[in-house]
Protein backbone atom coordinates (compact mmCIF):
# COMPACT_ATOMS: atom_id res chain seq x y z
CA MET A 1 103.36 82.32 71.75
CA ALA A 2 106.87 83.51 73.29
CA PHE A 3 108.25 82.84 70.00
CA ILE A 4 106.78 85.71 68.72
CA GLY A 5 108.79 87.88 71.40
CA ASN A 6 112.09 86.04 70.50
CA PHE A 7 111.40 87.01 66.83
CA ALA A 8 110.83 90.39 67.56
CA ALA A 9 114.17 90.11 69.89
CA ALA A 10 116.10 89.01 67.09
CA GLN A 11 115.00 91.87 64.69
CA SER A 12 115.62 94.48 67.36
CA ALA A 13 119.16 93.01 67.98
CA LYS A 14 120.03 93.10 64.44
CA ALA A 15 118.91 96.71 64.09
CA ILE A 16 120.80 97.59 67.40
CA GLY A 17 123.93 96.08 66.02
CA LYS A 18 123.60 97.86 62.70
CA TYR A 19 122.83 101.12 64.42
CA ASN A 20 125.98 100.79 66.85
CA GLU A 21 128.23 99.35 63.99
CA ARG A 22 127.47 102.76 61.88
CA SER A 23 127.90 104.95 65.20
CA VAL A 24 131.31 103.65 65.96
CA TYR A 25 132.39 103.88 62.22
CA GLN A 26 131.34 107.37 62.08
CA GLN A 27 133.71 107.78 65.27
CA ALA A 28 136.65 106.09 63.42
CA GLN A 29 136.04 108.20 60.52
CA LEU A 30 136.12 111.51 62.80
CA ALA A 31 139.16 110.10 64.25
CA ARG A 32 140.96 109.57 61.05
CA LYS A 33 139.97 113.01 59.56
CA LYS A 34 141.13 114.83 62.91
CA ALA A 35 144.52 112.69 62.55
CA GLU A 36 144.79 114.22 58.99
CA VAL A 37 143.68 117.83 59.88
CA GLU A 38 146.24 117.85 62.66
CA ARG A 39 149.32 116.60 60.40
CA GLU A 40 148.08 119.56 57.82
CA VAL A 41 148.20 121.66 60.42
CA TYR A 42 151.65 120.96 61.56
CA ASN A 43 152.85 120.91 58.04
CA LYS A 44 151.55 124.05 56.91
CA VAL A 45 151.32 126.23 60.14
CA ASP A 46 153.45 125.13 63.06
CA ARG A 47 156.55 123.61 61.08
CA PRO A 48 156.86 126.60 58.97
CA ARG A 49 156.47 128.98 61.99
CA LEU A 50 159.14 126.90 63.94
CA LEU A 51 161.45 127.33 60.90
CA LYS A 52 160.84 131.00 60.51
CA LYS A 53 161.46 131.51 64.25
CA GLN A 54 164.74 129.32 64.31
CA ASP A 55 165.91 131.44 61.35
CA ALA A 56 165.34 134.68 63.28
CA GLU A 57 166.87 133.45 66.26
CA TYR A 58 170.03 132.33 64.28
CA ASP A 59 170.13 135.61 62.54
CA PHE A 60 169.96 137.53 66.13
CA LEU A 61 172.95 135.45 67.28
CA PHE A 62 174.75 135.84 64.08
CA VAL A 63 174.55 139.80 64.06
CA ARG A 64 175.17 139.52 67.87
CA ALA A 65 178.60 137.95 67.34
CA LEU A 66 179.68 140.39 64.39
CA LYS A 67 178.75 143.45 66.47
CA SER A 68 181.08 142.11 69.19
CA GLY A 69 183.88 142.55 66.83
CA ALA A 70 184.60 138.56 66.87
CA GLU A 71 185.65 137.14 63.67
CA VAL A 72 183.19 134.39 62.60
CA ARG A 73 185.20 131.57 61.12
CA PRO A 74 185.52 127.83 61.70
CA GLY A 75 187.38 126.84 64.95
CA THR A 76 186.56 130.02 66.66
CA SER A 77 184.46 130.49 69.70
CA PRO A 78 181.45 132.63 67.85
CA TYR A 79 181.53 130.10 64.80
CA LEU A 80 181.36 126.97 67.56
CA ALA A 81 178.46 128.83 69.19
CA LEU A 82 176.66 129.44 65.98
CA LEU A 83 176.97 125.98 65.11
CA GLU A 84 175.85 124.59 68.60
CA ALA A 85 172.61 126.63 68.03
CA LYS A 86 171.96 125.48 64.54
CA TYR A 87 172.69 122.03 65.95
CA ASN A 88 170.09 122.67 68.75
CA GLN A 89 167.55 124.18 66.05
CA ALA A 90 167.95 120.77 63.97
CA THR A 91 167.32 118.64 67.07
CA ASP A 92 164.17 120.65 68.14
CA LEU A 93 163.03 120.30 64.50
CA THR A 94 163.40 116.55 64.35
CA ILE A 95 161.72 116.31 68.02
CA ALA A 96 158.86 118.30 66.73
CA ASP A 97 158.76 116.33 63.47
CA TYR A 98 158.65 113.12 65.29
CA SER A 99 156.00 114.16 67.61
CA SER A 100 153.63 115.20 64.78
CA ARG A 101 154.20 111.94 62.89
CA SER A 102 153.60 109.98 66.31
CA ALA A 103 150.32 111.95 66.90
CA TYR A 104 149.27 111.18 63.41
CA PHE A 105 149.91 107.22 63.63
CA ASP A 106 148.36 107.45 67.15
CA GLY A 107 145.27 108.83 65.50
CA ILE A 108 145.08 106.58 62.53
CA ASN A 109 145.63 103.57 65.07
CA ARG A 110 142.82 105.12 67.21
CA SER A 111 140.58 104.96 64.11
CA LEU A 112 141.27 101.53 63.26
CA LEU A 113 140.66 100.43 66.74
CA LEU A 114 137.08 101.93 66.39
CA GLU A 115 136.42 100.54 62.74
CA SER A 116 137.23 96.88 64.83
CA LYS A 117 134.90 97.88 67.45
CA ALA A 118 132.13 98.82 64.89
CA ILE A 119 132.60 95.13 63.42
CA GLY A 120 132.18 93.68 66.65
CA GLU A 121 129.24 95.47 67.33
CA ARG A 122 127.48 94.03 64.23
CA PHE A 123 128.66 90.65 65.08
CA LYS A 124 127.22 91.08 68.58
CA GLY A 125 123.88 92.14 67.16
CA ASP A 126 123.94 89.46 64.73
CA MET A 127 124.71 86.72 67.20
CA THR A 128 122.11 88.02 69.58
CA ALA A 129 119.74 88.06 66.63
CA ARG A 130 120.59 84.41 65.82
CA THR A 131 120.27 83.19 69.53
CA GLU A 132 116.72 84.73 69.60
CA THR A 133 115.58 83.32 66.31
CA ILE A 134 116.80 79.93 67.39
CA LYS A 135 115.06 80.20 70.89
CA GLY A 136 111.89 81.31 68.68
CA ILE A 137 112.19 78.29 66.36
CA ALA A 138 112.56 75.93 69.50
CA SER A 139 109.65 77.70 71.12
CA ALA A 140 107.52 77.34 67.96
CA GLY A 141 108.46 73.82 67.49
CA SER A 142 107.72 72.98 71.04
CA LEU A 143 104.34 74.60 70.74
CA LEU A 144 103.63 72.44 67.49
CA ALA A 145 104.91 69.17 69.10
CA GLY A 146 102.53 69.79 72.25
CA GLN A 147 99.51 69.70 69.87
């Protein structure tokens, strides 16, 4: 009568595999959504805030240069200082954009890995179920052969 236990174990393994698959798949969907939200926050909040801050800093430098009495024209020190400030701001913005893109792709990749894990969980449950079914059939077969 051990075959009955094997068949029950097979059904349990399938159910556990399906549950684990759904659970990990939901984690993958959450990771993907989180990556999307973080990208939107950067594009709609952080990036505009950074640009506004950079504009204010540049305006402050420009006004300070004008208040000093120096002329701001190509080739002069005030112009070169303002040009360097713009270059540094552009570099900072590029780094922030790159970091945001990298974080987004990391989140998407994490979700894809979780989806693969979900498929593996389902496969593991199915394989355990098949093994238990075969054991049950073999056990039932040996029981019938013994009669």
